Amino acid sequence: MPQGWQSAQVLKVNVKNRLLLAELRKIKTGKWKKVYHIGVDGTEIHYFEHETGGVFNVKIKRIIR
């Protein structure tokens, strides 16, 4: 996480898209989750997390208020 950034909520959900899951399993076999970190400032960080703790495709979405 970026330095000084605070997560207000963390959601971890199973990857339901079978095509996407097949692509992720080409990178590394096993279980994958989609993780959403929602910050106190409204910023969202999304990524895919492998069961070993590795992450892939991190995206930061800034919500301007």
Foldseek 3Di string as FASTA:
>chain_A
DDPPWAFPDKDKAFDPPPVVVVVVVVVPNAGKIWMWTQTPQRKIWIWIAHPVGDTPDIDIDHDDD
